[in-house]
Amino acid sequence: MRSALSCALLLMLSSGLTACYIVPERQADGQVLYQHYPLPPVGTVAPARVGVAPGGVATPANLPARLYPINDIATSTGIVTGSVTNMMTGKGVFNVSYLGEVLTGEATRVSNDERRGVASAFSPKGLYMSCEYQMNTPFQGAGTCTFSNGAAYRIHIGGN
């Protein structure tokens, strides 16, 4: 209840945000703490921004993700959008909004293949998804995703 009120207050005070989602975080003692995070309006995922930090290290890139239906179950929802933040370390953060739920998770490159990876995401209500993908560049890739309800999608990561 407190997180929901915080989210509502944040929405009233912030312009340009249309929603919040709550992500569980496990503390050192094992207790679950729920934090709210703003969710950007649909279609406003920032384009990939890559810079170079001092020392020549690439900075993270926020990439749009679009999922296109490839089976009858997925066809009822149409195109699904989300985002992947490539941390440029072989890891990434994955977010997608599906059937009114926000799924959050991670993407990880497969060892011995710097282009292939897997991604997993989970929602607080128990919906989950799994993806396999291959990156053409650090900013563009494609693969397949399946949801726990049997829906299957082709995922396209990155911009034009």
C-alpha atoms as a PDB file:
ATOM      1  CA  MET A   1       0.000   0.000   0.000  1.00  0.00           C
ATOM      2  CA  ARG A   2       2.816   2.389   0.914  1.00  0.00           C
ATOM      3  CA  SER A   3       4.587   1.701  -2.408  1.00  0.00           C
ATOM      4  CA  ALA A   4       1.368   2.277  -4.343  1.00  0.00           C
ATOM      5  CA  LEU A   5       0.861   5.616  -2.583  1.00  0.00           C
ATOM      6  CA  SER A   6       4.473   6.577  -3.276  1.00  0.00           C
ATOM      7  CA  CYS A   7       4.001   5.686  -6.921  1.00  0.00           C
ATOM      8  CA  ALA A   8       0.790   7.747  -7.161  1.00  0.00           C
ATOM      9  CA  LEU A   9       2.472  10.723  -5.487  1.00  0.00           C
ATOM     10  CA  LEU A  10       5.466  10.417  -7.792  1.00  0.00           C
ATOM     11  CA  LEU A  11       3.144  10.412 -10.811  1.00  0.00           C
ATOM     12  CA  MET A  12       1.335  13.547  -9.667  1.00  0.00           C
ATOM     13  CA  LEU A  13       4.602  15.390  -9.080  1.00  0.00           C
ATOM     14  CA  SER A  14       6.398  14.214 -12.224  1.00  0.00           C
ATOM     15  CA  SER A  15       5.369  15.264 -15.674  1.00  0.00           C
ATOM     16  CA  GLY A  16       5.790  12.882 -18.594  1.00  0.00           C
ATOM     17  CA  LEU A  17       5.510   9.654 -16.597  1.00  0.00           C
ATOM     18  CA  THR A  18       2.460   7.477 -17.052  1.00  0.00           C
ATOM     19  CA  ALA A  19       3.081   4.572 -14.693  1.00  0.00           C
ATOM     20  CA  CYS A  20       5.266   3.026 -12.036  1.00  0.00           C
ATOM     21  CA  TYR A  21       6.132  -0.541 -11.313  1.00  0.00           C
ATOM     22  CA  ILE A  22       7.311  -2.182  -8.146  1.00  0.00           C
ATOM     23  CA  VAL A  23      10.413  -4.358  -8.131  1.00  0.00           C
ATOM     24  CA  PRO A  24      11.294  -6.595  -5.174  1.00  0.00           C
ATOM     25  CA  GLU A  25      14.780  -6.313  -3.724  1.00  0.00           C
ATOM     26  CA  ARG A  26      16.140  -8.844  -1.239  1.00  0.00           C
ATOM     27  CA  GLN A  27      18.042  -7.356   1.714  1.00  0.00           C
ATOM     28  CA  ALA A  28      21.076  -8.989   3.346  1.00  0.00           C
ATOM     29  CA  ASP A  29      18.841 -10.514   6.066  1.00  0.00           C
ATOM     30  CA  GLY A  30      16.623 -12.164   3.408  1.00  0.00           C
ATOM     31  CA  GLN A  31      13.666  -9.807   3.894  1.00  0.00           C
ATOM     32  CA  VAL A  32      12.023  -8.566   0.680  1.00  0.00           C
ATOM     33  CA  LEU A  33      11.869  -4.790   0.231  1.00  0.00           C
ATOM     34  CA  TYR A  34       9.679  -3.370  -2.567  1.00  0.00           C
ATOM     35  CA  GLN A  35      10.904  -0.242  -4.347  1.00  0.00           C
ATOM     36  CA  HIS A  36       8.950   1.700  -6.986  1.00  0.00           C
ATOM     37  CA  TYR A  37      10.490   2.724 -10.273  1.00  0.00           C
ATOM     38  CA  PRO A  38       8.928   5.002 -12.910  1.00  0.00           C
ATOM     39  CA  LEU A  39       7.932   3.357 -16.188  1.00  0.00           C
ATOM     40  CA  PRO A  40       8.378   5.533 -19.280  1.00  0.00           C
ATOM     41  CA  PRO A  41       5.299   6.179 -21.453  1.00  0.00           C
ATOM     42  CA  VAL A  42       4.773   3.615 -24.227  1.00  0.00           C
ATOM     43  CA  GLY A  43       6.817   4.460 -27.304  1.00  0.00           C
ATOM     44  CA  THR A  44       9.183   6.834 -25.518  1.00  0.00           C
ATOM     45  CA  VAL A  45      12.110   4.517 -24.867  1.00  0.00           C
ATOM     46  CA  ALA A  46      15.198   6.628 -25.391  1.00  0.00           C
ATOM     47  CA  PRO A  47      17.335   5.811 -28.410  1.00  0.00           C
ATOM     48  CA  ALA A  48      20.633   4.077 -27.857  1.00  0.00           C
ATOM     49  CA  ARG A  49      23.106   6.436 -26.265  1.00  0.00           C
ATOM     50  CA  VAL A  50      26.641   5.275 -26.014  1.00  0.00           C
ATOM     51  CA  GLY A  51      29.517   7.243 -24.716  1.00  0.00           C
ATOM     52  CA  VAL A  52      32.964   6.444 -23.566  1.00  0.00           C
ATOM     53  CA  ALA A  53      33.759   6.888 -19.906  1.00  0.00           C
ATOM     54  CA  PRO A  54      37.198   7.986 -18.740  1.00  0.00           C
ATOM     55  CA  GLY A  55      39.621   5.142 -19.344  1.00  0.00           C
ATOM     56  CA  GLY A  56      38.006   4.158 -22.676  1.00  0.00           C
ATOM     57  CA  VAL A  57      35.182   2.031 -21.190  1.00  0.00           C
ATOM     58  CA  ALA A  58      31.858   2.075 -23.112  1.00  0.00           C
ATOM     59  CA  THR A  59      28.866   3.292 -21.103  1.00  0.00           C
ATOM     60  CA  PRO A  60      25.507   1.432 -21.006  1.00  0.00           C
ATOM     61  CA  ALA A  61      23.072   1.763 -23.942  1.00  0.00           C
ATOM     62  CA  ASN A  62      19.274   1.764 -23.560  1.00  0.00           C
ATOM     63  CA  LEU A  63      17.834  -0.173 -26.530  1.00  0.00           C
ATOM     64  CA  PRO A  64      14.191  -0.557 -27.572  1.00  0.00           C
ATOM     65  CA  ALA A  65      12.867  -4.115 -27.839  1.00  0.00           C
ATOM     66  CA  ARG A  66       9.902  -5.051 -30.025  1.00  0.00           C
ATOM     67  CA  LEU A  67       8.276  -8.480 -29.871  1.00  0.00           C
ATOM     68  CA  TYR A  68       6.246  -9.664 -32.887  1.00  0.00           C
ATOM     69  CA  PRO A  69       3.776 -12.590 -32.526  1.00  0.00           C
ATOM     70  CA  ILE A  70       4.745 -15.934 -34.099  1.00  0.00           C
ATOM     71  CA  ASN A  71       1.940 -18.174 -32.776  1.00  0.00           C
ATOM     72  CA  ASP A  72      -1.841 -17.973 -32.273  1.00  0.00           C
ATOM     73  CA  ILE A  73      -1.629 -17.248 -28.534  1.00  0.00           C
ATOM     74  CA  ALA A  74       0.665 -14.264 -29.143  1.00  0.00           C
ATOM     75  CA  THR A  75      -1.458 -12.921 -32.010  1.00  0.00           C
ATOM     76  CA  SER A  76      -4.195 -11.818 -29.591  1.00  0.00           C
ATOM     77  CA  THR A  77      -1.850  -9.296 -27.935  1.00  0.00           C
ATOM     78  CA  GLY A  78      -0.161  -7.968 -31.074  1.00  0.00           C
ATOM     79  CA  ILE A  79       3.230  -6.272 -30.882  1.00  0.00           C
ATOM     80  CA  VAL A  80       4.742  -6.005 -27.404  1.00  0.00           C
ATOM     81  CA  THR A  81       7.354  -3.361 -26.545  1.00  0.00           C
ATOM     82  CA  GLY A  82      10.047  -3.174 -23.921  1.00  0.00           C
ATOM     83  CA  SER A  83      13.653  -2.184 -23.434  1.00  0.00           C
ATOM     84  CA  VAL A  84      17.061  -3.697 -22.842  1.00  0.00           C
ATOM     85  CA  THR A  85      19.877  -1.773 -21.222  1.00  0.00           C
ATOM     86  CA  ASN A  86      23.137  -3.216 -22.526  1.00  0.00           C
ATOM     87  CA  MET A  87      25.680  -2.680 -19.745  1.00  0.00           C
ATOM     88  CA  MET A  88      28.508  -3.425 -22.240  1.00  0.00           C
ATOM     89  CA  THR A  89      29.825  -6.089 -19.836  1.00  0.00           C
ATOM     90  CA  GLY A  90      27.995  -9.149 -21.219  1.00  0.00           C
ATOM     91  CA  LYS A  91      25.008  -8.374 -18.975  1.00  0.00           C
ATOM     92  CA  GLY A  92      21.880  -6.314 -19.436  1.00  0.00           C
ATOM     93  CA  VAL A  93      18.624  -5.301 -17.764  1.00  0.00           C
ATOM     94  CA  PHE A  94      15.403  -6.354 -19.527  1.00  0.00           C
ATOM     95  CA  ASN A  95      11.918  -4.814 -19.068  1.00  0.00           C
ATOM     96  CA  VAL A  96       8.685  -5.554 -20.949  1.00  0.00           C
ATOM     97  CA  SER A  97       5.025  -4.708 -20.365  1.00  0.00           C
ATOM     98  CA  TYR A  98       2.745  -7.663 -21.197  1.00  0.00           C
ATOM     99  CA  LEU A  99      -0.962  -8.253 -20.460  1.00  0.00           C
ATOM    100  CA  GLY A 100      -1.006  -5.380 -17.969  1.00  0.00           C
ATOM    101  CA  GLU A 101       2.029  -6.638 -16.059  1.00  0.00           C
ATOM    102  CA  VAL A 102       5.614  -5.391 -16.060  1.00  0.00           C
ATOM    103  CA  LEU A 103       8.205  -8.135 -16.289  1.00  0.00           C
ATOM    104  CA  THR A 104      11.769  -7.337 -15.240  1.00  0.00           C
ATOM    105  CA  GLY A 105      14.849  -9.452 -15.537  1.00  0.00           C
ATOM    106  CA  GLU A 106      18.271  -9.762 -17.027  1.00  0.00           C
ATOM    107  CA  ALA A 107      20.012 -10.617 -20.252  1.00  0.00           C
ATOM    108  CA  THR A 108      23.322 -12.487 -20.245  1.00  0.00           C
ATOM    109  CA  ARG A 109      25.695 -13.425 -23.030  1.00  0.00           C
ATOM    110  CA  VAL A 110      26.382 -17.132 -23.475  1.00  0.00           C
ATOM    111  CA  SER A 111      29.968 -18.062 -22.590  1.00  0.00           C
ATOM    112  CA  ASN A 112      32.318 -18.691 -25.518  1.00  0.00           C
ATOM    113  CA  ASP A 113      30.008 -16.721 -27.878  1.00  0.00           C
ATOM    114  CA  GLU A 114      30.035 -12.943 -27.472  1.00  0.00           C
ATOM    115  CA  ARG A 115      27.013 -12.493 -29.791  1.00  0.00           C
ATOM    116  CA  ARG A 116      24.524 -15.057 -28.378  1.00  0.00           C
ATOM    117  CA  GLY A 117      22.609 -14.594 -25.169  1.00  0.00           C
ATOM    118  CA  VAL A 118      19.623 -15.507 -23.037  1.00  0.00           C
ATOM    119  CA  ALA A 119      17.175 -13.252 -21.227  1.00  0.00           C
ATOM    120  CA  SER A 120      14.677 -14.001 -18.470  1.00  0.00           C
ATOM    121  CA  ALA A 121      12.036 -11.792 -16.881  1.00  0.00           C
ATOM    122  CA  PHE A 122       9.389 -12.191 -14.175  1.00  0.00           C
ATOM    123  CA  SER A 123       6.380 -10.192 -12.954  1.00  0.00           C
ATOM    124  CA  PRO A 124       5.194  -9.837  -9.341  1.00  0.00           C
ATOM    125  CA  LYS A 125       2.011 -11.803 -10.240  1.00  0.00           C
ATOM    126  CA  GLY A 126       4.035 -14.788 -11.503  1.00  0.00           C
ATOM    127  CA  LEU A 127       4.113 -14.292 -15.275  1.00  0.00           C
ATOM    128  CA  TYR A 128       7.519 -15.132 -16.744  1.00  0.00           C
ATOM    129  CA  MET A 129       9.311 -15.210 -20.070  1.00  0.00           C
ATOM    130  CA  SER A 130      12.508 -16.629 -21.573  1.00  0.00           C
ATOM    131  CA  CYS A 131      14.375 -15.419 -24.652  1.00  0.00           C
ATOM    132  CA  GLU A 132      17.304 -16.505 -26.776  1.00  0.00           C
ATOM    133  CA  TYR A 133      18.908 -13.882 -28.995  1.00  0.00           C
ATOM    134  CA  GLN A 134      21.934 -13.030 -31.107  1.00  0.00           C
ATOM    135  CA  MET A 135      23.404  -9.539 -31.363  1.00  0.00           C
ATOM    136  CA  ASN A 136      24.673  -8.269 -34.744  1.00  0.00           C
ATOM    137  CA  THR A 137      26.335  -5.328 -32.983  1.00  0.00           C
ATOM    138  CA  PRO A 138      26.243  -4.125 -29.347  1.00  0.00           C
ATOM    139  CA  PHE A 139      23.169  -2.075 -30.404  1.00  0.00           C
ATOM    140  CA  GLN A 140      21.112  -4.427 -32.589  1.00  0.00           C
ATOM    141  CA  GLY A 141      20.003  -8.054 -32.472  1.00  0.00           C
ATOM    142  CA  ALA A 142      17.143 -10.545 -32.835  1.00  0.00           C
ATOM    143  CA  GLY A 143      15.848 -13.777 -31.331  1.00  0.00           C
ATOM    144  CA  THR A 144      12.782 -15.542 -29.930  1.00  0.00           C
ATOM    145  CA  CYS A 145      10.873 -15.224 -26.656  1.00  0.00           C
ATOM    146  CA  THR A 146       8.257 -17.461 -25.024  1.00  0.00           C
ATOM    147  CA  PHE A 147       5.934 -16.542 -22.165  1.00  0.00           C
ATOM    148  CA  SER A 148       4.593 -18.822 -19.439  1.00  0.00           C
ATOM    149  CA  ASN A 149       1.134 -18.746 -21.107  1.00  0.00           C
ATOM    150  CA  GLY A 150       2.583 -20.319 -24.294  1.00  0.00           C
ATOM    151  CA  ALA A 151       2.770 -17.105 -26.359  1.00  0.00           C
ATOM    152  CA  ALA A 152       5.806 -16.986 -28.663  1.00  0.00           C
ATOM    153  CA  TYR A 153       7.386 -13.895 -30.234  1.00  0.00           C
ATOM    154  CA  ARG A 154      10.260 -12.866 -32.482  1.00  0.00           C
ATOM    155  CA  ILE A 155      12.231 -10.151 -30.663  1.00  0.00           C
ATOM    156  CA  HIS A 156      14.069  -7.301 -32.394  1.00  0.00           C
ATOM    157  CA  ILE A 157      16.490  -5.368 -30.195  1.00  0.00           C
ATOM    158  CA  GLY A 158      17.798  -1.921 -31.029  1.00  0.00           C
ATOM    159  CA  GLY A 159      17.000   0.843 -33.448  1.00  0.00           C
ATOM    160  CA  ASN A 160      17.276   1.265 -37.170  1.00  0.00           C
END
